[in-house]
Amino acid sequence: PLWYFAPFYAILRAVPDKLMGVMAMGGAIGVMFLLPWLDRSKVRSIRYRGPLTKIAVTLFVIAFLVLGALGTMPAGDVETLIARICSVIYFGFFLLMPIYTSIENTLPEPDRVTTK
């Protein structure tokens, strides 16, 4: 179905140069495979993460949903501008992840998780 790749199609259309747009779309798909190495937090559950991660995930989800909606709409000036802003948020989530996951304070894991 179309909506599977609609966010990535919006990223493709947000970049004016065709080759760079294809590279951005491929990078948007490929960066998800790097997620385990980008996350520097000691805690794996979002329940025990700090507010920086929760804010970043919220912004990422909103940007991804907006990109998905824009990917199904005809391209216009306003839609392209919004797609560019959401694309920056999308890539910023992944590029800044090593920084904000390593500096934030996390809650301690409960004993039921840490004991074996």
N, C-alpha and C. Protein backbone atom coordinates (compact mmCIF):
# COMPACT_ATOMS: atom_id res chain seq x y z
N PRO A 1 0.81 -1.21 0.00
CA PRO A 1 0.00 0.00 0.00
C PRO A 1 0.85 1.27 0.00
N LEU A 2 0.26 2.31 -0.45
CA LEU A 2 0.94 3.59 -0.60
C LEU A 2 1.42 4.16 0.73
N TRP A 3 0.63 4.02 1.77
CA TRP A 3 0.96 4.70 3.03
C TRP A 3 2.18 4.11 3.73
N TYR A 4 2.64 2.94 3.32
CA TYR A 4 3.85 2.37 3.92
C TYR A 4 5.06 3.28 3.71
N PHE A 5 5.20 3.77 2.50
CA PHE A 5 6.37 4.58 2.17
C PHE A 5 6.05 6.06 2.00
N ALA A 6 4.86 6.49 2.40
CA ALA A 6 4.48 7.89 2.27
C ALA A 6 5.42 8.84 3.02
N PRO A 7 5.85 8.54 4.26
CA PRO A 7 6.78 9.46 4.92
C PRO A 7 8.11 9.59 4.17
N PHE A 8 8.58 8.51 3.62
CA PHE A 8 9.85 8.54 2.90
C PHE A 8 9.70 9.24 1.55
N TYR A 9 8.53 9.12 0.95
CA TYR A 9 8.25 9.84 -0.29
C TYR A 9 8.19 11.34 -0.03
N ALA A 10 7.66 11.74 1.13
CA ALA A 10 7.65 13.16 1.49
C ALA A 10 9.07 13.68 1.69
N ILE A 11 9.95 12.86 2.27
CA ILE A 11 11.35 13.25 2.42
C ILE A 11 12.00 13.38 1.05
N LEU A 12 11.69 12.46 0.15
CA LEU A 12 12.20 12.52 -1.22
C LEU A 12 11.81 13.83 -1.90
N ARG A 13 10.55 14.22 -1.76
CA ARG A 13 10.06 15.44 -2.40
C ARG A 13 10.52 16.71 -1.69
N ALA A 14 10.94 16.60 -0.43
CA ALA A 14 11.36 17.78 0.32
C ALA A 14 12.72 18.30 -0.14
N VAL A 15 13.50 17.45 -0.79
CA VAL A 15 14.83 17.84 -1.25
C VAL A 15 14.73 18.25 -2.71
N PRO A 16 15.21 19.46 -3.06
CA PRO A 16 15.05 19.94 -4.44
C PRO A 16 15.82 19.13 -5.49
N ASP A 17 17.02 18.69 -5.16
CA ASP A 17 17.83 17.92 -6.11
C ASP A 17 17.37 16.47 -6.11
N LYS A 18 17.21 15.90 -7.30
CA LYS A 18 16.67 14.53 -7.39
C LYS A 18 17.59 13.50 -6.76
N LEU A 19 18.88 13.56 -7.08
CA LEU A 19 19.81 12.58 -6.53
C LEU A 19 19.91 12.70 -5.01
N MET A 20 19.99 13.91 -4.52
CA MET A 20 20.05 14.11 -3.07
C MET A 20 18.74 13.67 -2.40
N GLY A 21 17.63 13.85 -3.08
CA GLY A 21 16.35 13.39 -2.55
C GLY A 21 16.30 11.88 -2.43
N VAL A 22 16.82 11.19 -3.44
CA VAL A 22 16.87 9.73 -3.39
C VAL A 22 17.81 9.27 -2.27
N MET A 23 18.93 9.98 -2.12
CA MET A 23 19.86 9.64 -1.04
C MET A 23 19.23 9.90 0.33
N ALA A 24 18.48 10.99 0.45
CA ALA A 24 17.80 11.29 1.72
C ALA A 24 16.75 10.24 2.03
N MET A 25 16.00 9.82 1.02
CA MET A 25 14.99 8.79 1.24
C MET A 25 15.65 7.47 1.65
N GLY A 26 16.70 7.09 0.95
CA GLY A 26 17.42 5.87 1.32
C GLY A 26 18.05 5.96 2.69
N GLY A 27 18.58 7.14 3.01
CA GLY A 27 19.15 7.35 4.34
C GLY A 27 18.11 7.30 5.44
N ALA A 28 16.91 7.80 5.13
CA ALA A 28 15.82 7.77 6.12
C ALA A 28 15.41 6.35 6.43
N ILE A 29 15.45 5.49 5.43
CA ILE A 29 15.12 4.08 5.66
C ILE A 29 16.30 3.37 6.34
N GLY A 30 17.51 3.65 5.87
CA GLY A 30 18.69 2.96 6.38
C GLY A 30 19.10 3.34 7.79
N VAL A 31 18.79 4.57 8.21
CA VAL A 31 19.22 5.02 9.53
C VAL A 31 18.52 4.24 10.64
N MET A 32 17.38 3.67 10.34
CA MET A 32 16.67 2.89 11.36
C MET A 32 17.44 1.62 11.74
N PHE A 33 18.24 1.12 10.82
CA PHE A 33 19.03 -0.07 11.11
C PHE A 33 20.21 0.24 12.03
N LEU A 34 20.56 1.51 12.16
CA LEU A 34 21.65 1.92 13.04
C LEU A 34 21.19 2.23 14.46
N LEU A 35 19.91 2.17 14.69
CA LEU A 35 19.33 2.56 15.97
C LEU A 35 19.95 1.85 17.18
N PRO A 36 20.23 0.56 17.15
CA PRO A 36 20.83 -0.07 18.33
C PRO A 36 22.21 0.49 18.69
N TRP A 37 22.95 0.97 17.72
CA TRP A 37 24.27 1.52 17.99
C TRP A 37 24.23 3.00 18.33
N LEU A 38 23.17 3.69 17.95
CA LEU A 38 23.05 5.11 18.25
C LEU A 38 22.58 5.36 19.68
N ASP A 39 21.84 4.44 20.23
CA ASP A 39 21.29 4.59 21.58
C ASP A 39 22.37 4.27 22.61
N ARG A 40 22.80 5.27 23.36
CA ARG A 40 23.88 5.11 24.34
C ARG A 40 23.38 4.95 25.78
N SER A 41 22.09 4.89 25.97
CA SER A 41 21.53 4.82 27.31
C SER A 41 21.77 3.45 27.94
N LYS A 42 21.94 3.45 29.26
CA LYS A 42 22.12 2.20 29.99
C LYS A 42 20.78 1.48 30.14
N VAL A 43 19.70 2.23 30.09
CA VAL A 43 18.36 1.68 30.28
C VAL A 43 17.71 1.50 28.92
N ARG A 44 17.08 0.37 28.70
CA ARG A 44 16.47 0.09 27.40
C ARG A 44 14.99 0.45 27.34
N SER A 45 14.31 0.48 28.46
CA SER A 45 12.88 0.77 28.48
C SER A 45 12.64 2.27 28.55
N ILE A 46 11.69 2.76 27.77
CA ILE A 46 11.39 4.19 27.79
C ILE A 46 10.74 4.60 29.11
N ARG A 47 10.21 3.65 29.83
CA ARG A 47 9.57 3.94 31.12
C ARG A 47 10.58 4.54 32.10
N TYR A 48 11.83 4.14 32.03
CA TYR A 48 12.85 4.60 32.96
C TYR A 48 13.76 5.66 32.36
N ARG A 49 13.46 6.11 31.17
CA ARG A 49 14.28 7.13 30.52
C ARG A 49 13.93 8.51 31.06
N GLY A 50 14.79 9.47 30.76
CA GLY A 50 14.58 10.84 31.18
C GLY A 50 13.68 11.60 30.22
N PRO A 51 13.42 12.85 30.53
CA PRO A 51 12.49 13.64 29.71
C PRO A 51 13.03 13.96 28.31
N LEU A 52 14.34 14.01 28.14
CA LEU A 52 14.89 14.32 26.81
C LEU A 52 14.49 13.27 25.79
N THR A 53 14.59 12.02 26.16
CA THR A 53 14.22 10.95 25.24
C THR A 53 12.72 10.97 24.96
N LYS A 54 11.93 11.21 25.98
CA LYS A 54 10.48 11.23 25.79
C LYS A 54 10.05 12.37 24.89
N ILE A 55 10.68 13.53 25.04
CA ILE A 55 10.37 14.67 24.15
C ILE A 55 10.83 14.36 22.73
N ALA A 56 12.03 13.78 22.59
CA ALA A 56 12.55 13.46 21.26
C ALA A 56 11.68 12.43 20.55
N VAL A 57 11.22 11.42 21.27
CA VAL A 57 10.37 10.40 20.66
C VAL A 57 9.02 11.01 20.25
N THR A 58 8.49 11.89 21.09
CA THR A 58 7.22 12.55 20.76
C THR A 58 7.35 13.40 19.51
N LEU A 59 8.42 14.19 19.42
CA LEU A 59 8.65 14.99 18.22
C LEU A 59 8.85 14.11 16.99
N PHE A 60 9.57 13.01 17.15
CA PHE A 60 9.79 12.09 16.05
C PHE A 60 8.48 11.50 15.54
N VAL A 61 7.63 11.06 16.44
CA VAL A 61 6.36 10.46 16.04
C VAL A 61 5.48 11.48 15.34
N ILE A 62 5.42 12.69 15.86
CA ILE A 62 4.62 13.74 15.22
C ILE A 62 5.16 14.04 13.82
N ALA A 63 6.48 14.19 13.71
CA ALA A 63 7.08 14.48 12.40
C ALA A 63 6.85 13.34 11.43
N PHE A 64 6.94 12.10 11.90
CA PHE A 64 6.73 10.94 11.03
C PHE A 64 5.29 10.88 10.54
N LEU A 65 4.34 11.16 11.42
CA LEU A 65 2.93 11.15 11.01
C LEU A 65 2.61 12.28 10.04
N VAL A 66 3.19 13.45 10.28
CA VAL A 66 2.99 14.57 9.35
C VAL A 66 3.62 14.26 8.00
N LEU A 67 4.81 13.67 8.01
CA LEU A 67 5.43 13.26 6.74
C LEU A 67 4.59 12.23 6.02
N GLY A 68 3.98 11.33 6.77
CA GLY A 68 3.10 10.34 6.15
C GLY A 68 1.90 10.98 5.49
N ALA A 69 1.33 11.97 6.14
CA ALA A 69 0.20 12.68 5.54
C ALA A 69 0.64 13.48 4.32
N LEU A 70 1.79 14.13 4.42
CA LEU A 70 2.28 14.94 3.30
C LEU A 70 2.68 14.07 2.11
N GLY A 71 3.11 12.86 2.36
CA GLY A 71 3.49 11.97 1.27
C GLY A 71 2.33 11.54 0.41
N THR A 72 1.13 11.63 0.93
CA THR A 72 -0.06 11.25 0.15
C THR A 72 -0.74 12.45 -0.50
N MET A 73 -0.27 13.66 -0.18
CA MET A 73 -0.89 14.87 -0.73
C MET A 73 -0.09 15.38 -1.92
N PRO A 74 -0.73 16.16 -2.80
CA PRO A 74 0.03 16.79 -3.89
C PRO A 74 1.04 17.79 -3.33
N ALA A 75 2.16 17.90 -3.98
CA ALA A 75 3.22 18.80 -3.51
C ALA A 75 2.88 20.24 -3.82
N GLY A 76 3.04 21.09 -2.84
CA GLY A 76 2.86 22.52 -2.98
C GLY A 76 3.95 23.22 -2.19
N ASP A 77 3.95 24.54 -2.23
CA ASP A 77 4.99 25.29 -1.52
C ASP A 77 4.90 25.09 -0.01
N VAL A 78 3.70 25.19 0.53
CA VAL A 78 3.52 25.04 1.98
C VAL A 78 3.83 23.61 2.40
N GLU A 79 3.35 22.65 1.63
CA GLU A 79 3.59 21.24 1.95
C GLU A 79 5.08 20.90 1.90
N THR A 80 5.78 21.48 0.94
CA THR A 80 7.22 21.24 0.82
C THR A 80 7.97 21.83 2.01
N LEU A 81 7.57 23.03 2.44
CA LEU A 81 8.21 23.65 3.60
C LEU A 81 7.98 22.82 4.87
N ILE A 82 6.76 22.38 5.07
CA ILE A 82 6.46 21.55 6.24
C ILE A 82 7.21 20.22 6.16
N ALA A 83 7.31 19.65 4.97
CA ALA A 83 8.06 18.39 4.80
C ALA A 83 9.54 18.59 5.10
N ARG A 84 10.09 19.73 4.75
CA ARG A 84 11.50 20.00 5.05
C ARG A 84 11.72 20.12 6.55
N ILE A 85 10.82 20.81 7.23
CA ILE A 85 10.94 20.96 8.68
C ILE A 85 10.83 19.59 9.36
N CYS A 86 9.86 18.81 8.94
CA CYS A 86 9.68 17.47 9.53
C CYS A 86 10.84 16.55 9.19
N SER A 87 11.45 16.72 8.02
CA SER A 87 12.61 15.91 7.66
C SER A 87 13.80 16.23 8.55
N VAL A 88 13.97 17.51 8.87
CA VAL A 88 15.05 17.90 9.79
C VAL A 88 14.82 17.29 11.17
N ILE A 89 13.57 17.31 11.63
CA ILE A 89 13.24 16.69 12.92
C ILE A 89 13.50 15.18 12.85
N TYR A 90 13.12 14.55 11.75
CA TYR A 90 13.31 13.11 11.57
C TYR A 90 14.78 12.74 11.68
N PHE A 91 15.63 13.41 10.89
CA PHE A 91 17.05 13.08 10.91
C PHE A 91 17.72 13.56 12.20
N GLY A 92 17.24 14.67 12.76
CA GLY A 92 17.78 15.16 14.02
C GLY A 92 17.58 14.18 15.16
N PHE A 93 16.45 13.48 15.14
CA PHE A 93 16.19 12.47 16.16
C PHE A 93 17.29 11.42 16.19
N PHE A 94 17.70 10.97 15.02
CA PHE A 94 18.72 9.92 14.95
C PHE A 94 20.13 10.49 15.14
N LEU A 95 20.41 11.65 14.57
CA LEU A 95 21.76 12.20 14.66
C LEU A 95 22.11 12.67 16.07
N LEU A 96 21.13 13.17 16.80
CA LEU A 96 21.37 13.65 18.16
C LEU A 96 21.18 12.58 19.22
N MET A 97 20.73 11.41 18.83
CA MET A 97 20.45 10.35 19.80
C MET A 97 21.66 9.97 20.66
N PRO A 98 22.86 9.83 20.12
CA PRO A 98 23.99 9.49 21.00
C PRO A 98 24.25 10.56 22.06
N ILE A 99 23.91 11.80 21.76
CA ILE A 99 24.16 12.88 22.71
C ILE A 99 23.12 12.89 23.82
N TYR A 100 21.83 12.95 23.44
CA TYR A 100 20.82 13.09 24.49
C TYR A 100 20.59 11.80 25.26
N THR A 101 20.93 10.65 24.72
CA THR A 101 20.78 9.43 25.51
C THR A 101 21.94 9.21 26.48
N SER A 102 23.09 9.82 26.19
CA SER A 102 24.22 9.62 27.10
C SER A 102 24.25 10.66 28.22
N ILE A 103 23.61 11.82 28.04
CA ILE A 103 23.69 12.85 29.08
C ILE A 103 22.47 12.89 30.00
N GLU A 104 21.41 12.20 29.65
CA GLU A 104 20.20 12.30 30.47
C GLU A 104 20.28 11.39 31.70
N ASN A 105 19.56 11.80 32.72
CA ASN A 105 19.46 11.00 33.94
C ASN A 105 18.29 10.04 33.80
N THR A 106 18.53 8.79 34.14
CA THR A 106 17.49 7.78 34.03
C THR A 106 17.08 7.32 35.43
N LEU A 107 15.89 6.77 35.51
CA LEU A 107 15.43 6.19 36.76
C LEU A 107 16.11 4.83 36.95
N PRO A 108 16.32 4.41 38.19
CA PRO A 108 16.94 3.09 38.38
C PRO A 108 15.99 1.98 37.96
N GLU A 109 16.57 0.94 37.42
CA GLU A 109 15.76 -0.21 37.03
C GLU A 109 15.29 -0.95 38.28
N PRO A 110 14.10 -1.49 38.27
CA PRO A 110 13.63 -2.23 39.45
C PRO A 110 14.39 -3.54 39.64
N ASP A 111 14.35 -4.04 40.85
CA ASP A 111 15.08 -5.28 41.17
C ASP A 111 14.58 -6.47 40.38
N ARG A 112 13.30 -6.50 40.07
CA ARG A 112 12.75 -7.64 39.33
C ARG A 112 13.34 -7.74 37.93
N VAL A 113 13.90 -6.65 37.43
CA VAL A 113 14.50 -6.66 36.10
C VAL A 113 16.00 -6.94 36.19
N THR A 114 16.65 -6.41 37.22
CA THR A 114 18.11 -6.51 37.30
C THR A 114 18.60 -7.79 37.94
N THR A 115 17.80 -8.43 38.78
CA THR A 115 18.25 -9.67 39.41
C THR A 115 17.97 -10.87 38.52
N LYS A 116 18.81 -11.87 38.64
CA LYS A 116 18.65 -13.06 37.80
C LYS A 116 18.30 -14.27 38.62
